[in-house]
Amino acid sequence: MIRFVILRILQVIPTLFAVSLIAFFIIQLPPGNYLTVHIANLQAQGETIDPAQIEALRQRYGIDDPFWVQYWKWISNILFHGDLGQSFQHGRPVSVLIGDVLPLTLILGVSTLLLTWAIALPAGVISAMRQHSVVDYTISGIGFVALAVPNFLVALIFAYLGFALLGTSVGGLFSPEYAHAPWSLAKVIDLLEHLWIPVLVISLAGTAGIIRVTRANMLDELRKPYVTTARAKGLSEGKIVRKYPLRIALNPFISTVGWNIPSIFDGEVIVATVLALGTTGPLLLGALRAQDMYLAGGIIFIIAVLTVIGTLISDILLAAVDPRVRYGRI
């Protein structure tokens, strides 16, 4: 087990390097840069442009430097100084911008994750145990609809229903009077009143996917000879399911637990933008549109790190649950 963990950890370093290089390269693929976007916006507004100021910005941010120079400057500052760089668009450090939206992002992400697991796992097991019943068809039907309907459309529907039926203001995680107010019990209650819409919307597709995977694996395990043998020995159905099929059927779920860690940080970008949530999703989208490479690169780099760490955690958990993984037999 120790050897397995060490090998997985050693694979993290080159993976992170490759991901950071590819991410920084992709961010710079669109033609132009932040200054060209900034100049175009100023011209569209009819404002004059000072060439000396533009040249000073080019020199300050090293926009005309070769790709490798820009990448090394960015990654070396992260590795040796923990500095994610300066945002062109906002004129503030990237770490400060991310820190401003991080608390709400974590609240939204953790709430969504807990709701997804709380609904999906029991529903998947029940659907498999009652195959071809009304319950099974109902759960499967809801799951198919949740997978088929785009999340941003569901967000618009829920926002309308929340406003029309419950009087909840549309957009954001707070009412206008609490948006910039200090934290208090009233602000927490206001947050909970607004939080249920994005949590339900973001969790829909993930919940449906886990239900389908859990149901399929449970059905596969329930048909195996060891379950028939356990029934022949007189064990109760509940004990049989808990002790044997459920444990093995959860392997795919455990292997994807780590993938949910970066989703806690980034959330659903389109849904967050549609609902005007103050999370990292709209911040990333705005940075990509403005070609703010340090802000976009910093957020993508953090997501990549969380993805690699999450995958490592999933591998370790899966190896602990199923010894076959440690010996490469599945």
C-alpha atoms as a PDB file:
ATOM      1  CA  MET A   1       0.000   0.000   0.000  1.00  0.00           C
ATOM      2  CA  ILE A   2       2.824   2.425   0.886  1.00  0.00           C
ATOM      3  CA  ARG A   3       4.574   1.725  -2.420  1.00  0.00           C
ATOM      4  CA  PHE A   4       1.318   2.352  -4.282  1.00  0.00           C
ATOM      5  CA  VAL A   5       0.817   5.715  -2.540  1.00  0.00           C
ATOM      6  CA  ILE A   6       4.414   6.829  -3.169  1.00  0.00           C
ATOM      7  CA  LEU A   7       4.166   6.010  -6.880  1.00  0.00           C
ATOM      8  CA  ARG A   8       0.916   7.955  -7.171  1.00  0.00           C
ATOM      9  CA  ILE A   9       2.443  10.981  -5.402  1.00  0.00           C
ATOM     10  CA  LEU A  10       5.474  10.942  -7.699  1.00  0.00           C
ATOM     11  CA  GLN A  11       3.157  11.053 -10.705  1.00  0.00           C
ATOM     12  CA  VAL A  12       1.570  14.276  -9.411  1.00  0.00           C
ATOM     13  CA  ILE A  13       4.617  16.500 -10.076  1.00  0.00           C
ATOM     14  CA  PRO A  14       4.991  15.988 -13.864  1.00  0.00           C
ATOM     15  CA  THR A  15       1.212  16.013 -14.235  1.00  0.00           C
ATOM     16  CA  LEU A  16       0.910  19.440 -12.612  1.00  0.00           C
ATOM     17  CA  PHE A  17       3.761  20.787 -14.720  1.00  0.00           C
ATOM     18  CA  ALA A  18       2.148  19.539 -17.935  1.00  0.00           C
ATOM     19  CA  VAL A  19      -1.290  20.865 -16.974  1.00  0.00           C
ATOM     20  CA  SER A  20       0.060  24.311 -16.054  1.00  0.00           C
ATOM     21  CA  LEU A  21       1.985  24.535 -19.338  1.00  0.00           C
ATOM     22  CA  ILE A  22      -1.010  23.496 -21.436  1.00  0.00           C
ATOM     23  CA  ALA A  23      -3.377  25.815 -19.535  1.00  0.00           C
ATOM     24  CA  PHE A  24      -1.084  28.829 -19.973  1.00  0.00           C
ATOM     25  CA  PHE A  25      -0.678  28.011 -23.651  1.00  0.00           C
ATOM     26  CA  ILE A  26      -4.423  27.669 -24.276  1.00  0.00           C
ATOM     27  CA  ILE A  27      -5.151  30.975 -22.527  1.00  0.00           C
ATOM     28  CA  GLN A  28      -2.839  32.732 -24.994  1.00  0.00           C
ATOM     29  CA  LEU A  29      -4.211  30.994 -28.099  1.00  0.00           C
ATOM     30  CA  PRO A  30      -6.850  33.642 -28.994  1.00  0.00           C
ATOM     31  CA  PRO A  31      -5.409  36.439 -31.151  1.00  0.00           C
ATOM     32  CA  GLY A  32      -4.347  39.573 -29.345  1.00  0.00           C
ATOM     33  CA  ASN A  33      -3.983  40.081 -25.596  1.00  0.00           C
ATOM     34  CA  TYR A  34      -5.486  42.053 -22.758  1.00  0.00           C
ATOM     35  CA  LEU A  35      -4.241  45.370 -24.145  1.00  0.00           C
ATOM     36  CA  THR A  36      -5.864  44.794 -27.538  1.00  0.00           C
ATOM     37  CA  VAL A  37      -9.181  44.022 -25.811  1.00  0.00           C
ATOM     38  CA  HIS A  38      -8.753  47.061 -23.561  1.00  0.00           C
ATOM     39  CA  ILE A  39      -7.968  49.346 -26.515  1.00  0.00           C
ATOM     40  CA  ALA A  40     -10.974  48.027 -28.470  1.00  0.00           C
ATOM     41  CA  ASN A  41     -13.269  48.723 -25.483  1.00  0.00           C
ATOM     42  CA  LEU A  42     -11.930  52.262 -25.126  1.00  0.00           C
ATOM     43  CA  GLN A  43     -12.391  52.931 -28.827  1.00  0.00           C
ATOM     44  CA  ALA A  44     -15.946  51.560 -28.695  1.00  0.00           C
ATOM     45  CA  GLN A  45     -16.696  54.062 -25.913  1.00  0.00           C
ATOM     46  CA  GLY A  46     -15.186  56.904 -27.939  1.00  0.00           C
ATOM     47  CA  GLU A  47     -12.322  57.527 -25.521  1.00  0.00           C
ATOM     48  CA  THR A  48      -8.866  58.647 -26.601  1.00  0.00           C
ATOM     49  CA  ILE A  49      -5.887  56.331 -26.248  1.00  0.00           C
ATOM     50  CA  ASP A  50      -2.499  57.470 -25.013  1.00  0.00           C
ATOM     51  CA  PRO A  51       0.176  55.472 -26.896  1.00  0.00           C
ATOM     52  CA  ALA A  52       2.721  56.157 -24.154  1.00  0.00           C
ATOM     53  CA  GLN A  53       0.415  54.647 -21.533  1.00  0.00           C
ATOM     54  CA  ILE A  54      -0.196  51.559 -23.671  1.00  0.00           C
ATOM     55  CA  GLU A  55       3.538  51.105 -24.210  1.00  0.00           C
ATOM     56  CA  ALA A  56       4.151  51.496 -20.481  1.00  0.00           C
ATOM     57  CA  LEU A  57       1.623  48.751 -19.790  1.00  0.00           C
ATOM     58  CA  ARG A  58       3.289  46.493 -22.363  1.00  0.00           C
ATOM     59  CA  GLN A  59       6.639  46.952 -20.660  1.00  0.00           C
ATOM     60  CA  ARG A  60       5.200  46.569 -17.175  1.00  0.00           C
ATOM     61  CA  TYR A  61       3.423  43.264 -17.813  1.00  0.00           C
ATOM     62  CA  GLY A  62       5.862  41.894 -20.393  1.00  0.00           C
ATOM     63  CA  ILE A  63       3.053  41.178 -22.829  1.00  0.00           C
ATOM     64  CA  ASP A  64       5.388  41.199 -25.826  1.00  0.00           C
ATOM     65  CA  ASP A  65       7.814  38.726 -24.225  1.00  0.00           C
ATOM     66  CA  PRO A  66       8.118  35.249 -25.786  1.00  0.00           C
ATOM     67  CA  PHE A  67       5.758  32.568 -24.498  1.00  0.00           C
ATOM     68  CA  TRP A  68       8.448  30.708 -22.552  1.00  0.00           C
ATOM     69  CA  VAL A  69       9.555  33.890 -20.787  1.00  0.00           C
ATOM     70  CA  GLN A  70       5.994  34.718 -19.744  1.00  0.00           C
ATOM     71  CA  TYR A  71       5.333  31.148 -18.609  1.00  0.00           C
ATOM     72  CA  TRP A  72       8.532  30.933 -16.541  1.00  0.00           C
ATOM     73  CA  LYS A  73       7.833  34.300 -14.938  1.00  0.00           C
ATOM     74  CA  TRP A  74       4.333  33.126 -14.009  1.00  0.00           C
ATOM     75  CA  ILE A  75       5.127  29.605 -12.784  1.00  0.00           C
ATOM     76  CA  SER A  76       8.317  30.602 -10.932  1.00  0.00           C
ATOM     77  CA  ASN A  77       6.431  33.271  -8.982  1.00  0.00           C
ATOM     78  CA  ILE A  78       3.839  30.659  -8.008  1.00  0.00           C
ATOM     79  CA  LEU A  79       6.407  28.014  -6.989  1.00  0.00           C
ATOM     80  CA  PHE A  80       8.923  30.215  -5.187  1.00  0.00           C
ATOM     81  CA  HIS A  81       6.832  33.106  -3.905  1.00  0.00           C
ATOM     82  CA  GLY A  82       3.239  31.824  -3.884  1.00  0.00           C
ATOM     83  CA  ASP A  83       2.346  34.785  -6.111  1.00  0.00           C
ATOM     84  CA  LEU A  84      -0.357  34.156  -8.714  1.00  0.00           C
ATOM     85  CA  GLY A  85       0.362  37.468 -10.425  1.00  0.00           C
ATOM     86  CA  GLN A  86      -1.459  40.730 -10.963  1.00  0.00           C
ATOM     87  CA  SER A  87      -4.813  40.958 -12.713  1.00  0.00           C
ATOM     88  CA  PHE A  88      -4.723  43.273 -15.738  1.00  0.00           C
ATOM     89  CA  GLN A  89      -8.467  43.796 -15.682  1.00  0.00           C
ATOM     90  CA  HIS A  90      -8.909  44.597 -11.981  1.00  0.00           C
ATOM     91  CA  GLY A  91      -5.455  45.956 -11.148  1.00  0.00           C
ATOM     92  CA  ARG A  92      -5.298  43.801  -8.012  1.00  0.00           C
ATOM     93  CA  PRO A  93      -3.388  40.647  -7.029  1.00  0.00           C
ATOM     94  CA  VAL A  94      -5.015  37.453  -8.295  1.00  0.00           C
ATOM     95  CA  SER A  95      -4.820  35.875  -4.834  1.00  0.00           C
ATOM     96  CA  VAL A  96      -6.814  38.778  -3.362  1.00  0.00           C
ATOM     97  CA  LEU A  97      -9.498  38.543  -6.052  1.00  0.00           C
ATOM     98  CA  ILE A  98      -9.864  34.797  -5.521  1.00  0.00           C
ATOM     99  CA  GLY A  99      -9.879  35.245  -1.750  1.00  0.00           C
ATOM    100  CA  ASP A 100     -12.779  37.700  -2.005  1.00  0.00           C
ATOM    101  CA  VAL A 101     -15.058  35.162  -3.692  1.00  0.00           C
ATOM    102  CA  LEU A 102     -13.684  32.003  -2.083  1.00  0.00           C
ATOM    103  CA  PRO A 103     -15.985  31.833   1.011  1.00  0.00           C
ATOM    104  CA  LEU A 104     -19.204  31.935  -1.037  1.00  0.00           C
ATOM    105  CA  THR A 105     -17.695  29.542  -3.577  1.00  0.00           C
ATOM    106  CA  LEU A 106     -16.897  26.994  -0.865  1.00  0.00           C
ATOM    107  CA  ILE A 107     -20.346  27.349   0.724  1.00  0.00           C
ATOM    108  CA  LEU A 108     -22.016  26.734  -2.630  1.00  0.00           C
ATOM    109  CA  GLY A 109     -19.697  23.869  -3.590  1.00  0.00           C
ATOM    110  CA  VAL A 110     -19.889  21.973  -0.293  1.00  0.00           C
ATOM    111  CA  SER A 111     -23.672  22.375  -0.093  1.00  0.00           C
ATOM    112  CA  THR A 112     -24.063  21.070  -3.643  1.00  0.00           C
ATOM    113  CA  LEU A 113     -21.757  18.114  -2.990  1.00  0.00           C
ATOM    114  CA  LEU A 114     -23.539  17.071   0.212  1.00  0.00           C
ATOM    115  CA  LEU A 115     -26.967  17.305  -1.417  1.00  0.00           C
ATOM    116  CA  THR A 116     -25.773  15.296  -4.428  1.00  0.00           C
ATOM    117  CA  TRP A 117     -24.449  12.454  -2.299  1.00  0.00           C
ATOM    118  CA  ALA A 118     -27.398  12.489   0.092  1.00  0.00           C
ATOM    119  CA  ILE A 119     -29.868  12.006  -2.762  1.00  0.00           C
ATOM    120  CA  ALA A 120     -27.942  10.034  -5.382  1.00  0.00           C
ATOM    121  CA  LEU A 121     -26.592   7.088  -3.375  1.00  0.00           C
ATOM    122  CA  PRO A 122     -29.849   6.045  -1.638  1.00  0.00           C
ATOM    123  CA  ALA A 123     -31.832   6.652  -4.837  1.00  0.00           C
ATOM    124  CA  GLY A 124     -29.433   4.505  -6.877  1.00  0.00           C
ATOM    125  CA  VAL A 125     -29.604   1.630  -4.384  1.00  0.00           C
ATOM    126  CA  ILE A 126     -33.397   1.790  -4.075  1.00  0.00           C
ATOM    127  CA  SER A 127     -33.784   1.927  -7.860  1.00  0.00           C
ATOM    128  CA  ALA A 128     -31.668  -1.215  -8.237  1.00  0.00           C
ATOM    129  CA  MET A 129     -33.403  -3.086  -5.403  1.00  0.00           C
ATOM    130  CA  ARG A 130     -36.820  -2.356  -6.949  1.00  0.00           C
ATOM    131  CA  GLN A 131     -35.949  -2.870 -10.585  1.00  0.00           C
ATOM    132  CA  HIS A 132     -38.856  -2.431 -13.055  1.00  0.00           C
ATOM    133  CA  SER A 133     -41.109  -1.026 -10.340  1.00  0.00           C
ATOM    134  CA  VAL A 134     -42.882   2.332 -10.306  1.00  0.00           C
ATOM    135  CA  VAL A 135     -40.168   3.676  -8.007  1.00  0.00           C
ATOM    136  CA  ASP A 136     -37.431   2.540 -10.387  1.00  0.00           C
ATOM    137  CA  TYR A 137     -39.125   4.072 -13.425  1.00  0.00           C
ATOM    138  CA  THR A 138     -39.798   7.325 -11.564  1.00  0.00           C
ATOM    139  CA  ILE A 139     -36.193   7.712 -10.389  1.00  0.00           C
ATOM    140  CA  SER A 140     -34.835   6.779 -13.827  1.00  0.00           C
ATOM    141  CA  GLY A 141     -37.223   9.154 -15.599  1.00  0.00           C
ATOM    142  CA  ILE A 142     -36.271  12.080 -13.381  1.00  0.00           C
ATOM    143  CA  GLY A 143     -32.606  11.216 -13.892  1.00  0.00           C
ATOM    144  CA  PHE A 144     -32.908  11.200 -17.681  1.00  0.00           C
ATOM    145  CA  VAL A 145     -34.655  14.576 -17.649  1.00  0.00           C
ATOM    146  CA  ALA A 146     -32.017  16.048 -15.334  1.00  0.00           C
ATOM    147  CA  LEU A 147     -29.239  14.847 -17.636  1.00  0.00           C
ATOM    148  CA  ALA A 148     -30.949  16.087 -20.794  1.00  0.00           C
ATOM    149  CA  VAL A 149     -32.002  19.609 -19.747  1.00  0.00           C
ATOM    150  CA  PRO A 150     -29.191  22.217 -19.765  1.00  0.00           C
ATOM    151  CA  ASN A 151     -28.344  23.538 -16.322  1.00  0.00           C
ATOM    152  CA  PHE A 152     -28.583  27.176 -17.362  1.00  0.00           C
ATOM    153  CA  LEU A 153     -32.182  26.620 -18.535  1.00  0.00           C
ATOM    154  CA  VAL A 154     -33.065  24.977 -15.226  1.00  0.00           C
ATOM    155  CA  ALA A 155     -31.443  27.955 -13.477  1.00  0.00           C
ATOM    156  CA  LEU A 156     -33.722  30.372 -15.311  1.00  0.00           C
ATOM    157  CA  ILE A 157     -36.805  28.269 -14.495  1.00  0.00           C
ATOM    158  CA  PHE A 158     -35.946  27.986 -10.804  1.00  0.00           C
ATOM    159  CA  ALA A 159     -35.112  31.683 -10.606  1.00  0.00           C
ATOM    160  CA  TYR A 160     -38.529  32.542 -12.060  1.00  0.00           C
ATOM    161  CA  LEU A 161     -40.342  30.115  -9.733  1.00  0.00           C
ATOM    162  CA  GLY A 162     -38.457  31.424  -6.735  1.00  0.00           C
ATOM    163  CA  PHE A 163     -39.407  34.991  -7.604  1.00  0.00           C
ATOM    164  CA  ALA A 164     -43.005  34.279  -8.644  1.00  0.00           C
ATOM    165  CA  LEU A 165     -43.985  31.850  -5.879  1.00  0.00           C
ATOM    166  CA  LEU A 166     -41.690  32.636  -2.951  1.00  0.00           C
ATOM    167  CA  GLY A 167     -40.793  36.263  -3.593  1.00  0.00           C
ATOM    168  CA  THR A 168     -37.059  35.510  -3.567  1.00  0.00           C
ATOM    169  CA  SER A 169     -35.033  38.112  -5.457  1.00  0.00           C
ATOM    170  CA  VAL A 170     -33.458  36.749  -8.643  1.00  0.00           C
ATOM    171  CA  GLY A 171     -29.698  36.899  -8.992  1.00  0.00           C
ATOM    172  CA  GLY A 172     -26.935  36.724  -6.418  1.00  0.00           C
ATOM    173  CA  LEU A 173     -26.726  34.929  -3.111  1.00  0.00           C
ATOM    174  CA  PHE A 174     -27.956  37.892  -1.059  1.00  0.00           C
ATOM    175  CA  SER A 175     -30.715  40.453  -1.147  1.00  0.00           C
ATOM    176  CA  PRO A 176     -29.489  43.957  -2.063  1.00  0.00           C
ATOM    177  CA  GLU A 177     -29.617  45.164   1.542  1.00  0.00           C
ATOM    178  CA  TYR A 178     -27.370  42.310   2.728  1.00  0.00           C
ATOM    179  CA  ALA A 179     -24.925  42.164  -0.206  1.00  0.00           C
ATOM    180  CA  HIS A 180     -22.294  44.379   1.462  1.00  0.00           C
ATOM    181  CA  ALA A 181     -23.519  44.187   5.056  1.00  0.00           C
ATOM    182  CA  PRO A 182     -21.393  42.569   7.794  1.00  0.00           C
ATOM    183  CA  TRP A 183     -22.149  38.970   8.704  1.00  0.00           C
ATOM    184  CA  SER A 184     -25.053  38.469  11.073  1.00  0.00           C
ATOM    185  CA  LEU A 185     -27.820  35.961  11.753  1.00  0.00           C
ATOM    186  CA  ALA A 186     -30.134  37.868   9.415  1.00  0.00           C
ATOM    187  CA  LYS A 187     -27.534  37.732   6.630  1.00  0.00           C
ATOM    188  CA  VAL A 188     -27.046  33.982   7.098  1.00  0.00           C
ATOM    189  CA  ILE A 189     -30.814  33.432   6.868  1.00  0.00           C
ATOM    190  CA  ASP A 190     -30.910  35.585   3.739  1.00  0.00           C
ATOM    191  CA  LEU A 191     -28.085  33.501   2.248  1.00  0.00           C
ATOM    192  CA  LEU A 192     -29.983  30.269   2.924  1.00  0.00           C
ATOM    193  CA  GLU A 193     -33.092  31.708   1.248  1.00  0.00           C
ATOM    194  CA  HIS A 194     -31.093  32.330  -1.934  1.00  0.00           C
ATOM    195  CA  LEU A 195     -28.758  29.331  -1.760  1.00  0.00           C
ATOM    196  CA  TRP A 196     -31.306  26.605  -2.509  1.00  0.00           C
ATOM    197  CA  ILE A 197     -31.788  27.625  -6.153  1.00  0.00           C
ATOM    198  CA  PRO A 198     -28.143  27.319  -7.308  1.00  0.00           C
ATOM    199  CA  VAL A 199     -27.587  24.243  -5.132  1.00  0.00           C
ATOM    200  CA  LEU A 200     -30.540  22.405  -6.682  1.00  0.00           C
ATOM    201  CA  VAL A 201     -29.631  23.474 -10.215  1.00  0.00           C
ATOM    202  CA  ILE A 202     -25.942  22.552 -10.019  1.00  0.00           C
ATOM    203  CA  SER A 203     -26.590  19.244  -8.264  1.00  0.00           C
ATOM    204  CA  LEU A 204     -29.181  17.986 -10.775  1.00  0.00           C
ATOM    205  CA  ALA A 205     -26.881  16.578 -13.453  1.00  0.00           C
ATOM    206  CA  GLY A 206     -24.354  15.212 -10.945  1.00  0.00           C
ATOM    207  CA  THR A 207     -27.074  13.532  -8.913  1.00  0.00           C
ATOM    208  CA  ALA A 208     -28.591  11.911 -11.993  1.00  0.00           C
ATOM    209  CA  GLY A 209     -25.214  10.622 -13.148  1.00  0.00           C
ATOM    210  CA  ILE A 210     -24.348   9.041  -9.797  1.00  0.00           C
ATOM    211  CA  ILE A 211     -27.812   7.446  -9.605  1.00  0.00           C
ATOM    212  CA  ARG A 212     -27.314   5.779 -12.994  1.00  0.00           C
ATOM    213  CA  VAL A 213     -23.833   4.510 -12.127  1.00  0.00           C
ATOM    214  CA  THR A 214     -24.852   3.234  -8.678  1.00  0.00           C
ATOM    215  CA  ARG A 215     -27.959   1.503 -10.064  1.00  0.00           C
ATOM    216  CA  ALA A 216     -26.032  -0.204 -12.877  1.00  0.00           C
ATOM    217  CA  ASN A 217     -23.315  -1.489 -10.573  1.00  0.00           C
ATOM    218  CA  MET A 218     -25.787  -2.666  -7.954  1.00  0.00           C
ATOM    219  CA  LEU A 219     -27.755  -4.616 -10.563  1.00  0.00           C
ATOM    220  CA  ASP A 220     -24.537  -6.186 -11.811  1.00  0.00           C
ATOM    221  CA  GLU A 221     -23.533  -7.296  -8.306  1.00  0.00           C
ATOM    222  CA  LEU A 222     -26.987  -8.512  -7.277  1.00  0.00           C
ATOM    223  CA  ARG A 223     -26.944 -11.091 -10.091  1.00  0.00           C
ATOM    224  CA  LYS A 224     -23.649 -12.680  -9.053  1.00  0.00           C
ATOM    225  CA  PRO A 225     -23.426 -16.156  -7.451  1.00  0.00           C
ATOM    226  CA  TYR A 226     -22.140 -14.951  -4.081  1.00  0.00           C
ATOM    227  CA  VAL A 227     -25.398 -13.029  -3.533  1.00  0.00           C
ATOM    228  CA  THR A 228     -27.426 -16.144  -4.346  1.00  0.00           C
ATOM    229  CA  THR A 229     -25.285 -18.102  -1.880  1.00  0.00           C
ATOM    230  CA  ALA A 230     -25.821 -15.510   0.833  1.00  0.00           C
ATOM    231  CA  ARG A 231     -29.578 -15.669   0.288  1.00  0.00           C
ATOM    232  CA  ALA A 232     -29.462 -19.478   0.485  1.00  0.00           C
ATOM    233  CA  LYS A 233     -27.758 -19.204   3.874  1.00  0.00           C
ATOM    234  CA  GLY A 234     -30.750 -17.279   5.159  1.00  0.00           C
ATOM    235  CA  LEU A 235     -29.202 -13.824   5.475  1.00  0.00           C
ATOM    236  CA  SER A 236     -31.650 -10.935   5.383  1.00  0.00           C
ATOM    237  CA  GLU A 237     -31.846  -8.898   2.193  1.00  0.00           C
ATOM    238  CA  GLY A 238     -30.735  -5.743   3.961  1.00  0.00           C
ATOM    239  CA  LYS A 239     -27.649  -7.403   5.433  1.00  0.00           C
ATOM    240  CA  ILE A 240     -26.755  -8.974   2.092  1.00  0.00           C
ATOM    241  CA  VAL A 241     -26.933  -5.616   0.308  1.00  0.00           C
ATOM    242  CA  ARG A 242     -24.952  -3.724   2.944  1.00  0.00           C
ATOM    243  CA  LYS A 243     -22.231  -6.302   3.396  1.00  0.00           C
ATOM    244  CA  TYR A 244     -21.544  -7.386  -0.195  1.00  0.00           C
ATOM    245  CA  PRO A 245     -23.001  -5.721  -3.333  1.00  0.00           C
ATOM    246  CA  LEU A 246     -23.126  -2.162  -1.997  1.00  0.00           C
ATOM    247  CA  ARG A 247     -19.460  -2.135  -1.004  1.00  0.00           C
ATOM    248  CA  ILE A 248     -18.308  -3.299  -4.421  1.00  0.00           C
ATOM    249  CA  ALA A 249     -20.837  -1.182  -6.311  1.00  0.00           C
ATOM    250  CA  LEU A 250     -19.425   1.927  -4.641  1.00  0.00           C
ATOM    251  CA  ASN A 251     -16.028   1.495  -6.338  1.00  0.00           C
ATOM    252  CA  PRO A 252     -16.909   3.746  -9.293  1.00  0.00           C
ATOM    253  CA  PHE A 253     -18.325   6.307  -6.884  1.00  0.00           C
ATOM    254  CA  ILE A 254     -15.146   6.285  -4.778  1.00  0.00           C
ATOM    255  CA  SER A 255     -12.993   6.574  -7.894  1.00  0.00           C
ATOM    256  CA  THR A 256     -14.802   9.799  -8.833  1.00  0.00           C
ATOM    257  CA  VAL A 257     -14.959  11.376  -5.369  1.00  0.00           C
ATOM    258  CA  GLY A 258     -11.796  13.335  -6.126  1.00  0.00           C
ATOM    259  CA  TRP A 259     -13.322  14.839  -9.244  1.00  0.00           C
ATOM    260  CA  ASN A 260     -15.826  16.634  -7.047  1.00  0.00           C
ATOM    261  CA  ILE A 261     -13.101  18.515  -5.147  1.00  0.00           C
ATOM    262  CA  PRO A 262     -12.352  21.013  -7.955  1.00  0.00           C
ATOM    263  CA  SER A 263     -16.093  21.472  -8.499  1.00  0.00           C
ATOM    264  CA  ILE A 264     -16.267  22.849  -4.946  1.00  0.00           C
ATOM    265  CA  PHE A 265     -13.887  25.590  -6.068  1.00  0.00           C
ATOM    266  CA  ASP A 266     -15.137  26.454  -9.540  1.00  0.00           C
ATOM    267  CA  GLY A 267     -18.803  25.469  -9.365  1.00  0.00           C
ATOM    268  CA  GLU A 268     -20.848  25.676 -12.539  1.00  0.00           C
ATOM    269  CA  VAL A 269     -19.528  28.635 -14.539  1.00  0.00           C
ATOM    270  CA  ILE A 270     -22.581  29.147 -16.771  1.00  0.00           C
ATOM    271  CA  VAL A 271     -25.109  28.700 -13.949  1.00  0.00           C
ATOM    272  CA  ALA A 272     -23.130  31.038 -11.704  1.00  0.00           C
ATOM    273  CA  THR A 273     -23.067  33.628 -14.487  1.00  0.00           C
ATOM    274  CA  VAL A 274     -26.793  33.299 -15.246  1.00  0.00           C
ATOM    275  CA  LEU A 275     -27.707  33.671 -11.570  1.00  0.00           C
ATOM    276  CA  ALA A 276     -25.061  36.383 -10.969  1.00  0.00           C
ATOM    277  CA  LEU A 277     -23.441  34.450  -8.135  1.00  0.00           C
ATOM    278  CA  GLY A 278     -20.388  36.004  -6.534  1.00  0.00           C
ATOM    279  CA  THR A 279     -18.194  32.921  -7.027  1.00  0.00           C
ATOM    280  CA  THR A 280     -15.073  32.063  -9.006  1.00  0.00           C
ATOM    281  CA  GLY A 281     -17.120  30.949 -12.038  1.00  0.00           C
ATOM    282  CA  PRO A 282     -18.099  34.428 -13.284  1.00  0.00           C
ATOM    283  CA  LEU A 283     -14.639  35.696 -12.302  1.00  0.00           C
ATOM    284  CA  LEU A 284     -13.011  33.075 -14.548  1.00  0.00           C
ATOM    285  CA  LEU A 285     -15.394  33.772 -17.431  1.00  0.00           C
ATOM    286  CA  GLY A 286     -14.716  37.511 -17.218  1.00  0.00           C
ATOM    287  CA  ALA A 287     -10.970  36.900 -17.174  1.00  0.00           C
ATOM    288  CA  LEU A 288     -11.149  34.692 -20.261  1.00  0.00           C
ATOM    289  CA  ARG A 289     -13.250  37.224 -22.151  1.00  0.00           C
ATOM    290  CA  ALA A 290     -10.841  40.041 -21.262  1.00  0.00           C
ATOM    291  CA  GLN A 291      -7.788  37.809 -21.936  1.00  0.00           C
ATOM    292  CA  ASP A 292      -6.570  38.530 -18.420  1.00  0.00           C
ATOM    293  CA  MET A 293      -4.040  35.701 -18.551  1.00  0.00           C
ATOM    294  CA  TYR A 294      -2.783  35.885 -14.970  1.00  0.00           C
ATOM    295  CA  LEU A 295      -6.258  35.857 -13.411  1.00  0.00           C
ATOM    296  CA  ALA A 296      -7.544  33.132 -15.742  1.00  0.00           C
ATOM    297  CA  GLY A 297      -4.319  31.171 -15.434  1.00  0.00           C
ATOM    298  CA  GLY A 298      -4.356  31.393 -11.640  1.00  0.00           C
ATOM    299  CA  ILE A 299      -7.906  30.069 -11.360  1.00  0.00           C
ATOM    300  CA  ILE A 300      -7.287  27.289 -13.894  1.00  0.00           C
ATOM    301  CA  PHE A 301      -4.045  26.348 -12.133  1.00  0.00           C
ATOM    302  CA  ILE A 302      -5.828  26.042  -8.777  1.00  0.00           C
ATOM    303  CA  ILE A 303      -8.546  23.916 -10.391  1.00  0.00           C
ATOM    304  CA  ALA A 304      -5.856  21.706 -11.959  1.00  0.00           C
ATOM    305  CA  VAL A 305      -4.078  21.274  -8.616  1.00  0.00           C
ATOM    306  CA  LEU A 306      -7.350  20.354  -6.907  1.00  0.00           C
ATOM    307  CA  THR A 307      -8.168  17.907  -9.714  1.00  0.00           C
ATOM    308  CA  VAL A 308      -4.805  16.130  -9.398  1.00  0.00           C
ATOM    309  CA  ILE A 309      -5.038  16.050  -5.597  1.00  0.00           C
ATOM    310  CA  GLY A 310      -8.614  14.811  -5.796  1.00  0.00           C
ATOM    311  CA  THR A 311      -7.636  12.039  -8.193  1.00  0.00           C
ATOM    312  CA  LEU A 312      -4.807  11.054  -5.854  1.00  0.00           C
ATOM    313  CA  ILE A 313      -7.250  10.878  -2.933  1.00  0.00           C
ATOM    314  CA  SER A 314      -9.653   8.771  -5.015  1.00  0.00           C
ATOM    315  CA  ASP A 315      -6.867   6.349  -5.983  1.00  0.00           C
ATOM    316  CA  ILE A 316      -5.786   5.938  -2.369  1.00  0.00           C
ATOM    317  CA  LEU A 317      -9.373   5.421  -1.127  1.00  0.00           C
ATOM    318  CA  LEU A 318     -10.089   2.939  -3.906  1.00  0.00           C
ATOM    319  CA  ALA A 319      -6.895   1.010  -3.150  1.00  0.00           C
ATOM    320  CA  ALA A 320      -7.827   0.901   0.543  1.00  0.00           C
ATOM    321  CA  VAL A 321     -11.333  -0.402  -0.209  1.00  0.00           C
ATOM    322  CA  ASP A 322     -10.416  -2.828  -3.000  1.00  0.00           C
ATOM    323  CA  PRO A 323      -7.035  -4.640  -2.706  1.00  0.00           C
ATOM    324  CA  ARG A 324      -7.217  -5.610  -6.401  1.00  0.00           C
ATOM    325  CA  VAL A 325      -6.384  -2.007  -7.312  1.00  0.00           C
ATOM    326  CA  ARG A 326      -3.067  -2.128  -5.458  1.00  0.00           C
ATOM    327  CA  TYR A 327      -1.982  -5.174  -7.404  1.00  0.00           C
ATOM    328  CA  GLY A 328      -3.213  -3.980 -10.789  1.00  0.00           C
ATOM    329  CA  ARG A 329      -5.834  -6.699 -11.263  1.00  0.00           C
ATOM    330  CA  ILE A 330      -8.675  -4.399 -12.336  1.00  0.00           C
END
